[in-house]
N, C-alpha and C. Protein backbone atom coordinates (compact mmCIF):
# COMPACT_ATOMS: atom_id res chain seq x y z
N MET A 1 68.25 103.05 120.44
CA MET A 1 66.86 103.23 120.79
C MET A 1 66.56 104.72 120.92
N PHE A 2 65.35 105.08 120.66
CA PHE A 2 65.03 106.50 120.74
C PHE A 2 64.50 106.86 122.13
N ASP A 3 64.65 108.13 122.46
CA ASP A 3 64.17 108.66 123.73
C ASP A 3 62.74 109.18 123.58
N HIS A 4 62.47 109.81 122.44
CA HIS A 4 61.14 110.31 122.18
C HIS A 4 60.94 110.50 120.67
N LEU A 5 59.69 110.71 120.29
CA LEU A 5 59.32 110.89 118.90
C LEU A 5 58.31 112.01 118.81
N MET A 6 58.49 112.92 117.85
CA MET A 6 57.55 114.00 117.65
C MET A 6 57.04 113.97 116.21
N LEU A 7 55.72 114.08 116.07
CA LEU A 7 55.09 114.14 114.75
C LEU A 7 54.41 115.49 114.57
N ALA A 8 54.56 116.06 113.39
CA ALA A 8 53.77 117.23 113.03
C ALA A 8 52.41 116.73 112.55
N VAL A 9 51.35 117.44 112.92
CA VAL A 9 50.00 117.08 112.52
C VAL A 9 49.30 118.29 111.92
N ALA A 10 48.43 118.05 110.95
CA ALA A 10 47.74 119.13 110.26
C ALA A 10 46.58 119.68 111.08
N ASP A 11 45.90 118.81 111.83
CA ASP A 11 44.72 119.20 112.60
C ASP A 11 44.87 118.63 114.01
N MET A 12 45.25 119.48 114.95
CA MET A 12 45.53 119.01 116.30
C MET A 12 44.30 118.39 116.95
N GLN A 13 43.14 119.00 116.81
CA GLN A 13 41.94 118.46 117.44
C GLN A 13 41.65 117.05 116.92
N LYS A 14 41.71 116.87 115.62
CA LYS A 14 41.45 115.56 115.03
C LYS A 14 42.50 114.54 115.48
N SER A 15 43.75 114.94 115.51
CA SER A 15 44.83 114.03 115.89
C SER A 15 44.77 113.65 117.37
N VAL A 16 44.51 114.63 118.24
CA VAL A 16 44.42 114.35 119.67
C VAL A 16 43.22 113.44 119.95
N THR A 17 42.11 113.70 119.29
CA THR A 17 40.94 112.84 119.46
C THR A 17 41.27 111.41 119.05
N PHE A 18 41.97 111.25 117.92
CA PHE A 18 42.36 109.93 117.44
C PHE A 18 43.32 109.25 118.41
N TYR A 19 44.43 109.90 118.75
CA TYR A 19 45.44 109.26 119.60
C TYR A 19 44.96 109.03 121.04
N ASP A 20 44.14 109.93 121.57
CA ASP A 20 43.58 109.71 122.91
C ASP A 20 42.86 108.36 122.96
N LYS A 21 42.02 108.13 121.98
CA LYS A 21 41.20 106.91 121.96
C LYS A 21 42.01 105.69 121.52
N ALA A 22 42.83 105.84 120.49
CA ALA A 22 43.58 104.70 119.93
C ALA A 22 44.62 104.15 120.90
N LEU A 23 45.27 105.02 121.67
CA LEU A 23 46.35 104.58 122.56
C LEU A 23 45.86 104.17 123.95
N ALA A 24 44.62 104.50 124.28
CA ALA A 24 44.08 104.16 125.61
C ALA A 24 44.16 102.66 125.93
N PRO A 25 43.87 101.75 124.99
CA PRO A 25 43.97 100.33 125.32
C PRO A 25 45.38 99.88 125.70
N LEU A 26 46.39 100.67 125.33
CA LEU A 26 47.78 100.33 125.67
C LEU A 26 48.20 100.97 126.99
N GLY A 27 47.31 101.71 127.62
CA GLY A 27 47.64 102.40 128.85
C GLY A 27 48.41 103.69 128.62
N ILE A 28 48.48 104.13 127.36
CA ILE A 28 49.19 105.36 127.00
C ILE A 28 48.18 106.50 127.03
N SER A 29 48.51 107.55 127.79
CA SER A 29 47.58 108.66 127.93
C SER A 29 48.27 109.99 127.62
N ARG A 30 47.43 110.98 127.33
CA ARG A 30 47.92 112.33 127.04
C ARG A 30 48.07 113.10 128.34
N SER A 31 49.12 113.86 128.41
CA SER A 31 49.34 114.75 129.55
C SER A 31 48.28 115.83 129.50
N PRO A 32 47.61 116.09 130.60
CA PRO A 32 46.57 117.13 130.59
C PRO A 32 47.16 118.48 130.21
N SER A 33 46.55 119.12 129.21
CA SER A 33 47.09 120.41 128.78
C SER A 33 46.02 121.30 128.17
N GLY A 34 44.77 121.03 128.48
CA GLY A 34 43.71 121.89 127.97
C GLY A 34 42.94 121.25 126.84
N PRO A 35 41.93 121.95 126.35
CA PRO A 35 41.09 121.40 125.29
C PRO A 35 41.86 121.27 123.96
N ALA A 36 41.54 120.22 123.22
CA ALA A 36 42.24 119.92 121.98
C ALA A 36 42.22 121.08 120.99
N GLU A 37 41.11 121.82 120.94
CA GLU A 37 41.01 122.90 119.95
C GLU A 37 41.95 124.07 120.23
N SER A 38 42.53 124.14 121.44
CA SER A 38 43.45 125.23 121.74
C SER A 38 44.91 124.77 121.78
N LEU A 39 45.15 123.50 121.50
CA LEU A 39 46.50 122.96 121.60
C LEU A 39 47.32 123.21 120.35
N THR A 40 48.61 123.42 120.55
CA THR A 40 49.57 123.41 119.45
C THR A 40 50.56 122.27 119.66
N ASN A 41 50.57 121.70 120.87
CA ASN A 41 51.43 120.56 121.21
C ASN A 41 50.66 119.62 122.13
N ALA A 42 50.98 118.34 122.06
CA ALA A 42 50.41 117.35 122.97
C ALA A 42 51.47 116.29 123.22
N SER A 43 51.44 115.70 124.43
CA SER A 43 52.41 114.67 124.76
C SER A 43 51.71 113.46 125.37
N TYR A 44 52.27 112.28 125.08
CA TYR A 44 51.70 111.00 125.53
C TYR A 44 52.78 110.16 126.17
N GLY A 45 52.34 109.30 127.08
CA GLY A 45 53.30 108.38 127.69
C GLY A 45 52.65 107.43 128.67
N LEU A 46 53.51 106.65 129.29
CA LEU A 46 53.14 105.67 130.31
C LEU A 46 53.73 106.11 131.64
N SER A 47 52.97 106.02 132.70
CA SER A 47 53.46 106.28 134.05
C SER A 47 54.24 107.59 134.17
N GLY A 48 53.75 108.63 133.54
CA GLY A 48 54.40 109.93 133.66
C GLY A 48 55.58 110.16 132.73
N LYS A 49 56.09 109.15 132.07
CA LYS A 49 57.22 109.29 131.14
C LYS A 49 56.67 109.57 129.74
N ARG A 50 56.75 110.81 129.33
CA ARG A 50 56.24 111.23 128.02
C ARG A 50 57.30 110.97 126.96
N SER A 51 56.92 110.25 125.91
CA SER A 51 57.90 109.95 124.87
C SER A 51 57.32 110.09 123.46
N PHE A 52 56.03 110.39 123.33
CA PHE A 52 55.39 110.55 122.03
C PHE A 52 54.73 111.92 122.03
N PHE A 53 55.12 112.76 121.06
CA PHE A 53 54.65 114.14 121.03
C PHE A 53 54.04 114.48 119.68
N LEU A 54 53.03 115.34 119.71
CA LEU A 54 52.42 115.89 118.51
C LEU A 54 52.59 117.40 118.54
N HIS A 55 52.82 117.99 117.39
CA HIS A 55 52.82 119.45 117.32
C HIS A 55 52.16 119.86 116.02
N LEU A 56 51.49 121.00 116.07
CA LEU A 56 50.77 121.52 114.92
C LEU A 56 51.78 121.99 113.89
N GLY A 57 51.69 121.47 112.69
CA GLY A 57 52.64 121.85 111.64
C GLY A 57 52.32 121.13 110.34
N ASP A 58 53.28 121.12 109.47
CA ASP A 58 53.14 120.49 108.15
C ASP A 58 53.58 119.03 108.25
N PRO A 59 52.64 118.08 108.29
CA PRO A 59 53.01 116.68 108.51
C PRO A 59 53.67 116.03 107.29
N VAL A 60 54.52 115.07 107.58
CA VAL A 60 55.03 114.18 106.55
C VAL A 60 53.95 113.15 106.33
N ARG A 61 53.49 112.97 105.12
CA ARG A 61 52.37 112.07 104.86
C ARG A 61 52.84 110.79 104.16
N GLY A 62 52.36 109.67 104.67
CA GLY A 62 52.58 108.39 104.01
C GLY A 62 53.98 107.82 104.10
N GLN A 63 54.89 108.47 104.80
CA GLN A 63 56.26 107.99 104.88
C GLN A 63 56.66 107.66 106.31
N VAL A 64 55.71 107.75 107.24
CA VAL A 64 56.02 107.53 108.64
C VAL A 64 55.37 106.23 109.10
N HIS A 65 56.15 105.44 109.80
CA HIS A 65 55.66 104.19 110.40
C HIS A 65 56.08 104.21 111.87
N ILE A 66 55.09 104.13 112.75
CA ILE A 66 55.33 104.12 114.19
C ILE A 66 54.80 102.80 114.72
N ALA A 67 55.57 102.12 115.56
CA ALA A 67 55.12 100.87 116.17
C ALA A 67 55.14 101.00 117.68
N PHE A 68 53.99 100.79 118.30
CA PHE A 68 53.86 100.78 119.75
C PHE A 68 53.82 99.33 120.21
N SER A 69 54.40 99.05 121.38
CA SER A 69 54.40 97.70 121.94
C SER A 69 53.11 97.44 122.71
N ALA A 70 52.63 96.21 122.59
CA ALA A 70 51.49 95.75 123.37
C ALA A 70 51.94 94.57 124.22
N SER A 71 51.31 94.40 125.36
CA SER A 71 51.68 93.30 126.24
C SER A 71 50.88 92.03 125.94
N SER A 72 49.87 92.16 125.08
CA SER A 72 49.06 90.98 124.75
C SER A 72 48.39 91.18 123.39
N ARG A 73 47.95 90.09 122.82
CA ARG A 73 47.20 90.16 121.57
C ARG A 73 45.87 90.87 121.79
N LYS A 74 45.32 90.71 122.97
CA LYS A 74 44.06 91.38 123.32
C LYS A 74 44.23 92.90 123.23
N GLN A 75 45.38 93.41 123.65
CA GLN A 75 45.66 94.85 123.54
C GLN A 75 45.75 95.28 122.09
N VAL A 76 46.37 94.45 121.25
CA VAL A 76 46.46 94.76 119.81
C VAL A 76 45.05 94.87 119.23
N ASP A 77 44.21 93.89 119.56
CA ASP A 77 42.83 93.90 119.06
C ASP A 77 42.07 95.13 119.56
N ALA A 78 42.25 95.48 120.84
CA ALA A 78 41.55 96.63 121.42
C ALA A 78 42.03 97.93 120.77
N PHE A 79 43.34 98.06 120.52
CA PHE A 79 43.87 99.23 119.81
C PHE A 79 43.19 99.36 118.46
N TYR A 80 43.16 98.27 117.71
CA TYR A 80 42.61 98.28 116.35
C TYR A 80 41.16 98.78 116.36
N GLU A 81 40.34 98.24 117.24
CA GLU A 81 38.93 98.64 117.32
C GLU A 81 38.80 100.10 117.76
N ALA A 82 39.58 100.50 118.76
CA ALA A 82 39.53 101.88 119.24
C ALA A 82 39.98 102.86 118.16
N ALA A 83 41.05 102.51 117.45
CA ALA A 83 41.58 103.38 116.41
C ALA A 83 40.60 103.53 115.26
N LEU A 84 39.94 102.44 114.86
CA LEU A 84 38.93 102.53 113.81
C LEU A 84 37.77 103.42 114.25
N SER A 85 37.32 103.23 115.50
CA SER A 85 36.18 104.02 115.98
C SER A 85 36.55 105.49 116.17
N ALA A 86 37.86 105.78 116.25
CA ALA A 86 38.33 107.16 116.39
C ALA A 86 38.62 107.80 115.04
N GLY A 87 38.29 107.12 113.95
CA GLY A 87 38.47 107.70 112.63
C GLY A 87 39.69 107.22 111.88
N GLY A 88 40.45 106.29 112.47
CA GLY A 88 41.60 105.72 111.76
C GLY A 88 41.14 104.85 110.59
N ARG A 89 42.03 104.66 109.63
CA ARG A 89 41.71 103.82 108.46
C ARG A 89 42.51 102.53 108.53
N ASP A 90 41.84 101.43 108.27
CA ASP A 90 42.47 100.12 108.30
C ASP A 90 43.66 100.07 107.35
N ASN A 91 44.77 99.53 107.85
CA ASN A 91 45.94 99.30 107.01
C ASN A 91 46.52 97.91 107.30
N GLY A 92 45.72 97.06 107.94
CA GLY A 92 46.12 95.70 108.26
C GLY A 92 45.47 95.24 109.56
N ALA A 93 44.46 94.41 109.44
CA ALA A 93 43.73 93.91 110.62
C ALA A 93 44.64 93.11 111.53
N PRO A 94 44.28 92.97 112.80
CA PRO A 94 45.09 92.19 113.73
C PRO A 94 45.32 90.76 113.21
N GLY A 95 46.55 90.31 113.37
CA GLY A 95 46.87 88.96 112.95
C GLY A 95 48.36 88.67 113.04
N ILE A 96 48.69 87.41 112.85
CA ILE A 96 50.08 86.96 112.84
C ILE A 96 50.74 87.48 111.56
N ARG A 97 51.94 87.98 111.70
CA ARG A 97 52.75 88.41 110.55
C ARG A 97 53.93 87.46 110.42
N LYS A 98 54.52 87.41 109.26
CA LYS A 98 55.59 86.46 108.99
C LYS A 98 56.98 86.99 109.33
N TYR A 99 57.07 88.08 110.07
CA TYR A 99 58.37 88.66 110.41
C TYR A 99 59.18 87.73 111.31
N HIS A 100 58.52 87.13 112.29
CA HIS A 100 59.11 86.10 113.15
C HIS A 100 57.97 85.42 113.91
N PRO A 101 58.19 84.24 114.45
CA PRO A 101 57.12 83.54 115.17
C PRO A 101 56.57 84.39 116.32
N GLY A 102 55.27 84.47 116.42
CA GLY A 102 54.63 85.21 117.49
C GLY A 102 54.42 86.68 117.21
N TYR A 103 54.79 87.18 116.04
CA TYR A 103 54.63 88.60 115.71
C TYR A 103 53.16 88.84 115.36
N TYR A 104 52.43 89.41 116.29
CA TYR A 104 50.99 89.67 116.15
C TYR A 104 50.81 91.18 116.13
N ALA A 105 50.25 91.70 115.06
CA ALA A 105 50.18 93.16 114.91
C ALA A 105 48.93 93.61 114.18
N ALA A 106 48.63 94.89 114.34
CA ALA A 106 47.57 95.57 113.59
C ALA A 106 48.12 96.91 113.12
N PHE A 107 47.60 97.38 112.00
CA PHE A 107 48.07 98.61 111.38
C PHE A 107 46.89 99.52 111.07
N ILE A 108 47.04 100.80 111.41
CA ILE A 108 46.01 101.81 111.17
C ILE A 108 46.69 103.04 110.58
N LEU A 109 46.01 103.71 109.67
CA LEU A 109 46.49 105.01 109.18
C LEU A 109 45.84 106.10 110.03
N ASP A 110 46.66 106.99 110.60
CA ASP A 110 46.15 108.06 111.45
C ASP A 110 45.56 109.17 110.58
N PRO A 111 45.02 110.25 111.17
CA PRO A 111 44.39 111.31 110.37
C PRO A 111 45.30 111.94 109.31
N ASP A 112 46.63 111.88 109.48
CA ASP A 112 47.54 112.44 108.49
C ASP A 112 48.13 111.37 107.57
N GLY A 113 47.69 110.13 107.70
CA GLY A 113 48.17 109.06 106.82
C GLY A 113 49.40 108.33 107.32
N CYS A 114 49.84 108.60 108.55
CA CYS A 114 50.96 107.86 109.12
C CYS A 114 50.51 106.44 109.46
N ASN A 115 51.37 105.48 109.23
CA ASN A 115 51.08 104.08 109.54
C ASN A 115 51.40 103.82 111.00
N VAL A 116 50.37 103.57 111.79
CA VAL A 116 50.54 103.31 113.22
C VAL A 116 50.31 101.81 113.44
N GLU A 117 51.33 101.17 113.99
CA GLU A 117 51.29 99.72 114.26
C GLU A 117 51.29 99.51 115.76
N VAL A 118 50.58 98.49 116.19
CA VAL A 118 50.71 97.99 117.56
C VAL A 118 51.04 96.52 117.44
N VAL A 119 52.11 96.10 118.15
CA VAL A 119 52.63 94.74 117.99
C VAL A 119 52.85 94.07 119.34
N CYS A 120 52.55 92.79 119.36
CA CYS A 120 52.82 91.93 120.51
C CYS A 120 53.72 90.81 119.99
N HIS A 121 54.82 90.54 120.68
CA HIS A 121 55.80 89.55 120.23
C HIS A 121 55.64 88.20 120.94
N HIS A 122 54.56 87.98 121.65
CA HIS A 122 54.34 86.72 122.35
C HIS A 122 53.78 85.67 121.41
N THR A 123 54.11 84.42 121.66
CA THR A 123 53.60 83.34 120.82
C THR A 123 52.23 82.85 121.27
N SER A 124 51.72 83.34 122.39
CA SER A 124 50.38 82.96 122.83
C SER A 124 49.52 84.19 123.01
N ALA A 125 48.22 83.97 123.07
CA ALA A 125 47.27 85.09 123.22
C ALA A 125 47.46 85.75 124.54
């Protein structure tokens, strides 16, 4: 298992705006560090444990897949709507996937084209 993940992003303001809104339904928040337009790094996490980081740099495009856990299908749906309204591009609407019973997920492409998934493994809503 990984301890943390860092992504390079081409436009920090655009990426922070996207991830702030898209991850909020999961209870994941950004550590306060100033206005997005002055940032070169940003960190996100739950309950003070930061494990997802962004830094300004040359992003890997189209080859990155990140999956965040959701505690309910409702959270998956809320992520999907929030991510779309934050400028994400649809890459798979919320729904059951055939990976295993109860695999409910949604997929969004972030501002740099990374595939961001949110998944709930419960068999009920």
